[in-house]
N, C-alpha and C. Protein backbone atom coordinates (compact mmCIF):
# COMPACT_ATOMS: atom_id res chain seq x y z
N MET A 1 -0.15 -13.56 17.24
CA MET A 1 0.28 -14.05 15.95
C MET A 1 -0.70 -13.54 14.89
N LEU A 2 -0.15 -13.08 13.78
CA LEU A 2 -0.97 -12.55 12.70
C LEU A 2 -1.56 -13.67 11.85
N GLY A 3 -2.76 -13.45 11.35
CA GLY A 3 -3.36 -14.38 10.41
C GLY A 3 -2.67 -14.27 9.07
N PRO A 4 -2.96 -15.18 8.15
CA PRO A 4 -2.27 -15.18 6.86
C PRO A 4 -2.50 -13.91 6.04
N MET A 5 -3.70 -13.33 6.11
CA MET A 5 -3.96 -12.13 5.33
C MET A 5 -3.22 -10.93 5.92
N ALA A 6 -3.26 -10.79 7.25
CA ALA A 6 -2.55 -9.68 7.89
C ALA A 6 -1.04 -9.83 7.72
N ARG A 7 -0.53 -11.05 7.83
CA ARG A 7 0.90 -11.28 7.64
C ARG A 7 1.32 -10.95 6.21
N GLY A 8 0.50 -11.39 5.24
CA GLY A 8 0.80 -11.09 3.84
C GLY A 8 0.76 -9.61 3.55
N ALA A 9 -0.24 -8.92 4.10
CA ALA A 9 -0.34 -7.47 3.89
C ALA A 9 0.84 -6.75 4.54
N TRP A 10 1.24 -7.18 5.74
CA TRP A 10 2.37 -6.55 6.43
C TRP A 10 3.66 -6.80 5.67
N ASP A 11 3.89 -8.04 5.23
CA ASP A 11 5.09 -8.32 4.44
C ASP A 11 5.11 -7.49 3.17
N GLY A 12 3.96 -7.40 2.50
CA GLY A 12 3.88 -6.61 1.29
C GLY A 12 4.09 -5.13 1.55
N PHE A 13 3.52 -4.61 2.63
CA PHE A 13 3.71 -3.20 2.97
C PHE A 13 5.19 -2.90 3.21
N ARG A 14 5.90 -3.86 3.79
CA ARG A 14 7.35 -3.71 4.01
C ARG A 14 8.15 -4.01 2.75
N LEU A 15 7.45 -4.29 1.65
CA LEU A 15 8.05 -4.58 0.34
C LEU A 15 8.91 -5.83 0.37
N ARG A 16 8.42 -6.85 1.08
CA ARG A 16 9.04 -8.18 1.09
C ARG A 16 8.07 -9.15 0.42
N CYS A 17 8.62 -10.13 -0.26
CA CYS A 17 7.80 -11.12 -0.96
C CYS A 17 6.90 -11.84 0.05
N PRO A 18 5.59 -11.90 -0.20
CA PRO A 18 4.70 -12.59 0.74
C PRO A 18 4.83 -14.10 0.67
N ALA A 19 5.43 -14.63 -0.40
CA ALA A 19 5.59 -16.08 -0.53
C ALA A 19 6.78 -16.59 0.30
N CYS A 20 7.95 -15.96 0.13
CA CYS A 20 9.15 -16.44 0.84
C CYS A 20 9.56 -15.53 1.99
N ARG A 21 9.05 -14.30 2.04
CA ARG A 21 9.33 -13.30 3.07
C ARG A 21 10.77 -12.81 3.06
N ARG A 22 11.53 -13.09 1.98
CA ARG A 22 12.93 -12.66 1.91
C ARG A 22 13.19 -11.73 0.73
N GLY A 23 12.58 -12.01 -0.41
CA GLY A 23 12.87 -11.25 -1.62
C GLY A 23 12.32 -9.84 -1.57
N ALA A 24 13.03 -8.91 -2.18
CA ALA A 24 12.60 -7.51 -2.22
C ALA A 24 11.61 -7.30 -3.36
N MET A 25 10.53 -6.58 -3.09
CA MET A 25 9.52 -6.30 -4.11
C MET A 25 9.82 -5.03 -4.88
N ALA A 26 10.58 -4.11 -4.31
CA ALA A 26 10.79 -2.79 -4.92
C ALA A 26 11.77 -2.88 -6.07
N ARG A 27 11.41 -2.22 -7.17
CA ARG A 27 12.31 -2.12 -8.32
C ARG A 27 12.74 -0.68 -8.53
N GLY A 28 11.90 0.24 -8.24
CA GLY A 28 12.21 1.66 -8.40
C GLY A 28 11.42 2.44 -7.37
N LEU A 29 11.39 3.74 -7.55
CA LEU A 29 10.70 4.59 -6.59
C LEU A 29 9.19 4.32 -6.57
N PHE A 30 8.60 4.06 -7.73
CA PHE A 30 7.16 3.83 -7.79
C PHE A 30 6.79 2.48 -8.38
N GLN A 31 7.75 1.61 -8.58
CA GLN A 31 7.48 0.34 -9.25
C GLN A 31 7.86 -0.85 -8.40
N LEU A 32 7.16 -1.95 -8.67
CA LEU A 32 7.49 -3.23 -8.06
C LEU A 32 8.17 -4.10 -9.11
N ALA A 33 9.00 -5.01 -8.65
CA ALA A 33 9.62 -5.98 -9.55
C ALA A 33 8.53 -6.90 -10.11
N GLU A 34 8.81 -7.52 -11.25
CA GLU A 34 7.83 -8.44 -11.81
C GLU A 34 7.77 -9.74 -11.03
N ARG A 35 8.91 -10.18 -10.51
CA ARG A 35 9.01 -11.44 -9.78
C ARG A 35 9.94 -11.29 -8.59
N CYS A 36 9.78 -12.19 -7.65
CA CYS A 36 10.67 -12.22 -6.49
C CYS A 36 12.05 -12.72 -6.94
N PRO A 37 13.12 -12.01 -6.57
CA PRO A 37 14.46 -12.47 -6.96
C PRO A 37 14.89 -13.74 -6.23
N VAL A 38 14.23 -14.10 -5.14
CA VAL A 38 14.62 -15.28 -4.37
C VAL A 38 13.83 -16.51 -4.79
N CYS A 39 12.49 -16.42 -4.79
CA CYS A 39 11.67 -17.60 -5.07
C CYS A 39 10.99 -17.58 -6.44
N GLY A 40 11.01 -16.45 -7.14
CA GLY A 40 10.42 -16.37 -8.47
C GLY A 40 8.92 -16.15 -8.50
N ALA A 41 8.29 -15.91 -7.36
CA ALA A 41 6.84 -15.68 -7.33
C ALA A 41 6.50 -14.40 -8.08
N PRO A 42 5.46 -14.42 -8.91
CA PRO A 42 5.07 -13.20 -9.64
C PRO A 42 4.38 -12.22 -8.70
N PHE A 43 4.65 -10.93 -8.91
CA PHE A 43 4.03 -9.91 -8.07
C PHE A 43 2.81 -9.28 -8.74
N GLU A 44 2.55 -9.57 -10.00
CA GLU A 44 1.34 -9.10 -10.66
C GLU A 44 0.68 -10.32 -11.29
N PRO A 45 -0.07 -11.07 -10.47
CA PRO A 45 -0.63 -12.33 -10.95
C PRO A 45 -1.56 -12.17 -12.16
N GLU A 46 -2.37 -11.15 -12.20
CA GLU A 46 -3.30 -10.93 -13.31
C GLU A 46 -3.30 -9.45 -13.68
N GLU A 47 -3.60 -9.17 -14.91
CA GLU A 47 -3.69 -7.79 -15.38
C GLU A 47 -4.82 -7.08 -14.63
N GLY A 48 -4.54 -5.88 -14.13
CA GLY A 48 -5.56 -5.10 -13.45
C GLY A 48 -5.73 -5.40 -11.98
N ASP A 49 -4.88 -6.25 -11.42
CA ASP A 49 -5.01 -6.59 -10.00
C ASP A 49 -4.70 -5.40 -9.09
N PHE A 50 -4.07 -4.35 -9.61
CA PHE A 50 -3.68 -3.24 -8.75
C PHE A 50 -4.76 -2.18 -8.60
N VAL A 51 -5.94 -2.42 -9.15
CA VAL A 51 -7.06 -1.52 -8.90
C VAL A 51 -7.37 -1.54 -7.40
N GLY A 52 -7.28 -2.72 -6.80
CA GLY A 52 -7.48 -2.84 -5.35
C GLY A 52 -6.46 -2.04 -4.57
N ALA A 53 -5.21 -2.00 -5.04
CA ALA A 53 -4.18 -1.21 -4.36
C ALA A 53 -4.52 0.27 -4.40
N MET A 54 -5.03 0.73 -5.53
CA MET A 54 -5.42 2.14 -5.62
C MET A 54 -6.56 2.44 -4.66
N LEU A 55 -7.50 1.53 -4.56
CA LEU A 55 -8.63 1.71 -3.65
C LEU A 55 -8.17 1.74 -2.19
N VAL A 56 -7.29 0.82 -1.82
CA VAL A 56 -6.77 0.78 -0.45
C VAL A 56 -6.01 2.06 -0.14
N ALA A 57 -5.13 2.49 -1.05
CA ALA A 57 -4.34 3.71 -0.82
C ALA A 57 -5.25 4.93 -0.68
N TYR A 58 -6.27 5.02 -1.53
CA TYR A 58 -7.19 6.15 -1.47
C TYR A 58 -7.98 6.14 -0.15
N CYS A 59 -8.47 4.98 0.26
CA CYS A 59 -9.26 4.89 1.49
C CYS A 59 -8.43 5.24 2.72
N VAL A 60 -7.22 4.73 2.80
CA VAL A 60 -6.35 5.05 3.95
C VAL A 60 -6.07 6.55 3.98
N THR A 61 -5.77 7.13 2.82
CA THR A 61 -5.51 8.57 2.76
C THR A 61 -6.74 9.37 3.16
N ALA A 62 -7.90 8.99 2.67
CA ALA A 62 -9.13 9.72 2.99
C ALA A 62 -9.43 9.67 4.48
N VAL A 63 -9.26 8.51 5.10
CA VAL A 63 -9.50 8.39 6.55
C VAL A 63 -8.54 9.28 7.33
N LEU A 64 -7.25 9.26 6.97
CA LEU A 64 -6.28 10.11 7.67
C LEU A 64 -6.59 11.59 7.49
N VAL A 65 -6.98 12.00 6.30
CA VAL A 65 -7.30 13.41 6.05
C VAL A 65 -8.53 13.83 6.85
N VAL A 66 -9.57 13.02 6.88
CA VAL A 66 -10.79 13.37 7.63
C VAL A 66 -10.47 13.47 9.12
N ILE A 67 -9.74 12.51 9.66
CA ILE A 67 -9.36 12.57 11.08
C ILE A 67 -8.51 13.81 11.34
N GLY A 68 -7.57 14.09 10.45
CA GLY A 68 -6.72 15.27 10.61
C GLY A 68 -7.50 16.57 10.58
N ILE A 69 -8.49 16.66 9.71
CA ILE A 69 -9.32 17.86 9.64
C ILE A 69 -10.08 18.07 10.95
N TYR A 70 -10.67 17.01 11.47
CA TYR A 70 -11.40 17.14 12.74
C TYR A 70 -10.47 17.52 13.89
N VAL A 71 -9.30 16.92 13.94
CA VAL A 71 -8.36 17.21 15.04
C VAL A 71 -7.86 18.65 14.94
N THR A 72 -7.47 19.10 13.74
CA THR A 72 -6.98 20.49 13.63
C THR A 72 -8.11 21.50 13.84
N ALA A 73 -9.32 21.15 13.45
CA ALA A 73 -10.45 22.07 13.69
C ALA A 73 -10.72 22.21 15.18
N ALA A 74 -10.54 21.13 15.93
CA ALA A 74 -10.81 21.17 17.37
C ALA A 74 -9.67 21.77 18.17
N LEU A 75 -8.44 21.62 17.71
CA LEU A 75 -7.30 21.98 18.55
C LEU A 75 -6.50 23.19 18.09
N THR A 76 -6.76 23.71 16.90
CA THR A 76 -5.97 24.84 16.40
C THR A 76 -6.88 25.98 15.95
N PRO A 77 -6.35 27.18 15.92
CA PRO A 77 -7.14 28.32 15.45
C PRO A 77 -7.02 28.55 13.93
N LEU A 78 -6.56 27.56 13.17
CA LEU A 78 -6.40 27.74 11.73
C LEU A 78 -7.75 27.94 11.05
N SER A 79 -7.74 28.78 10.02
CA SER A 79 -8.98 29.01 9.26
C SER A 79 -9.32 27.76 8.45
N PRO A 80 -10.58 27.59 8.09
CA PRO A 80 -10.97 26.44 7.27
C PRO A 80 -10.21 26.36 5.95
N ARG A 81 -9.95 27.51 5.33
CA ARG A 81 -9.21 27.51 4.07
C ARG A 81 -7.78 27.01 4.27
N THR A 82 -7.13 27.45 5.33
CA THR A 82 -5.77 26.98 5.62
C THR A 82 -5.76 25.49 5.91
N GLN A 83 -6.74 25.03 6.66
CA GLN A 83 -6.83 23.59 6.94
C GLN A 83 -7.03 22.79 5.66
N LEU A 84 -7.89 23.28 4.78
CA LEU A 84 -8.16 22.59 3.52
C LEU A 84 -6.88 22.47 2.69
N VAL A 85 -6.14 23.55 2.57
CA VAL A 85 -4.89 23.52 1.81
C VAL A 85 -3.89 22.57 2.47
N LEU A 86 -3.75 22.68 3.79
CA LEU A 86 -2.82 21.83 4.53
C LEU A 86 -3.13 20.35 4.33
N TRP A 87 -4.38 19.98 4.49
CA TRP A 87 -4.74 18.56 4.43
C TRP A 87 -4.80 18.03 3.01
N CYS A 88 -5.10 18.89 2.03
CA CYS A 88 -5.01 18.44 0.64
C CYS A 88 -3.56 18.16 0.25
N LEU A 89 -2.66 19.02 0.69
CA LEU A 89 -1.23 18.78 0.42
C LEU A 89 -0.74 17.53 1.14
N PHE A 90 -1.16 17.36 2.39
CA PHE A 90 -0.78 16.15 3.12
C PHE A 90 -1.31 14.91 2.41
N GLY A 91 -2.58 14.95 2.02
CA GLY A 91 -3.19 13.79 1.36
C GLY A 91 -2.48 13.42 0.07
N ALA A 92 -2.17 14.42 -0.75
CA ALA A 92 -1.47 14.15 -2.00
C ALA A 92 -0.08 13.59 -1.74
N GLY A 93 0.64 14.18 -0.80
CA GLY A 93 1.98 13.69 -0.45
C GLY A 93 1.96 12.29 0.12
N PHE A 94 1.01 12.03 1.00
CA PHE A 94 0.90 10.70 1.61
C PHE A 94 0.56 9.65 0.56
N LEU A 95 -0.37 9.98 -0.32
CA LEU A 95 -0.78 9.04 -1.37
C LEU A 95 0.38 8.71 -2.30
N ILE A 96 1.10 9.73 -2.72
CA ILE A 96 2.26 9.50 -3.60
C ILE A 96 3.37 8.77 -2.85
N GLY A 97 3.61 9.15 -1.61
CA GLY A 97 4.71 8.56 -0.85
C GLY A 97 4.50 7.12 -0.44
N THR A 98 3.26 6.69 -0.28
CA THR A 98 3.02 5.33 0.20
C THR A 98 2.38 4.41 -0.84
N TYR A 99 2.21 4.89 -2.07
CA TYR A 99 1.52 4.07 -3.06
C TYR A 99 2.27 2.76 -3.34
N ARG A 100 3.58 2.81 -3.43
CA ARG A 100 4.36 1.59 -3.67
C ARG A 100 4.15 0.59 -2.55
N ASN A 101 4.13 1.07 -1.32
CA ASN A 101 3.90 0.19 -0.18
C ASN A 101 2.48 -0.37 -0.19
N MET A 102 1.52 0.44 -0.59
CA MET A 102 0.14 -0.04 -0.68
C MET A 102 0.01 -1.11 -1.77
N LYS A 103 0.74 -0.92 -2.89
CA LYS A 103 0.75 -1.97 -3.92
C LYS A 103 1.32 -3.26 -3.36
N GLY A 104 2.39 -3.13 -2.58
CA GLY A 104 2.98 -4.31 -1.95
C GLY A 104 2.02 -4.98 -1.00
N ALA A 105 1.32 -4.18 -0.20
CA ALA A 105 0.33 -4.75 0.72
C ALA A 105 -0.77 -5.47 -0.04
N TRP A 106 -1.19 -4.91 -1.17
CA TRP A 106 -2.23 -5.55 -1.97
C TRP A 106 -1.73 -6.87 -2.55
N VAL A 107 -0.47 -6.93 -2.98
CA VAL A 107 0.09 -8.20 -3.45
C VAL A 107 0.06 -9.22 -2.32
N GLY A 108 0.39 -8.78 -1.10
CA GLY A 108 0.34 -9.68 0.06
C GLY A 108 -1.07 -10.19 0.33
N ILE A 109 -2.07 -9.32 0.20
CA ILE A 109 -3.46 -9.73 0.40
C ILE A 109 -3.88 -10.72 -0.69
N LEU A 110 -3.51 -10.43 -1.94
CA LEU A 110 -3.82 -11.35 -3.03
C LEU A 110 -3.14 -12.70 -2.82
N HIS A 111 -1.91 -12.67 -2.32
CA HIS A 111 -1.20 -13.92 -2.04
C HIS A 111 -1.94 -14.74 -0.98
N ALA A 112 -2.41 -14.06 0.07
CA ALA A 112 -3.12 -14.77 1.13
C ALA A 112 -4.46 -15.31 0.63
N MET A 113 -5.12 -14.59 -0.28
CA MET A 113 -6.44 -15.02 -0.76
C MET A 113 -6.35 -16.08 -1.86
N THR A 114 -5.42 -15.90 -2.79
CA THR A 114 -5.39 -16.77 -3.97
C THR A 114 -4.08 -17.50 -4.16
N GLY A 115 -3.02 -17.05 -3.49
CA GLY A 115 -1.71 -17.65 -3.67
C GLY A 115 -1.01 -17.08 -4.89
N LEU A 116 0.30 -17.02 -4.83
CA LEU A 116 1.11 -16.62 -5.98
C LEU A 116 1.84 -17.88 -6.44
N ARG A 117 1.71 -18.18 -7.69
CA ARG A 117 2.38 -19.39 -8.18
C ARG A 117 3.88 -19.17 -8.21
N ARG A 118 4.60 -20.08 -7.63
CA ARG A 118 6.06 -19.96 -7.60
C ARG A 118 6.64 -20.25 -8.97
N GLY A 119 7.57 -19.39 -9.35
CA GLY A 119 8.33 -19.63 -10.56
C GLY A 119 7.65 -19.24 -11.86
N GLY A 120 6.43 -18.78 -11.84
CA GLY A 120 5.83 -18.35 -13.09
C GLY A 120 4.32 -18.31 -13.03
N ARG A 121 3.75 -17.91 -14.15
CA ARG A 121 2.30 -17.77 -14.25
C ARG A 121 1.65 -19.08 -14.56
């Protein structure tokens, strides 16, 4: 069984409301809704709360890129320049592709740590 922080982060990563676990967090390709359509919980409790989401997304991307560089250096005959280009492109694509999910995970972590007030600020 997951603890409250892991459950909140997982629900948020799946773009589900961490308060009710039913409402969709996604509003667009790169945006989250302001509130849960089911329970009304706010998804941006305070201004600037998404700095943590940027940090989490960057750290996850950096770890994957470093691991990938070591694995390709050990297992493939690719030149260092080719590896650098490959992993920089992967890192940029991964960061852009998962940023919305990372924002959702951060909302879940914030919910587990501080709670999201239902129905408003």
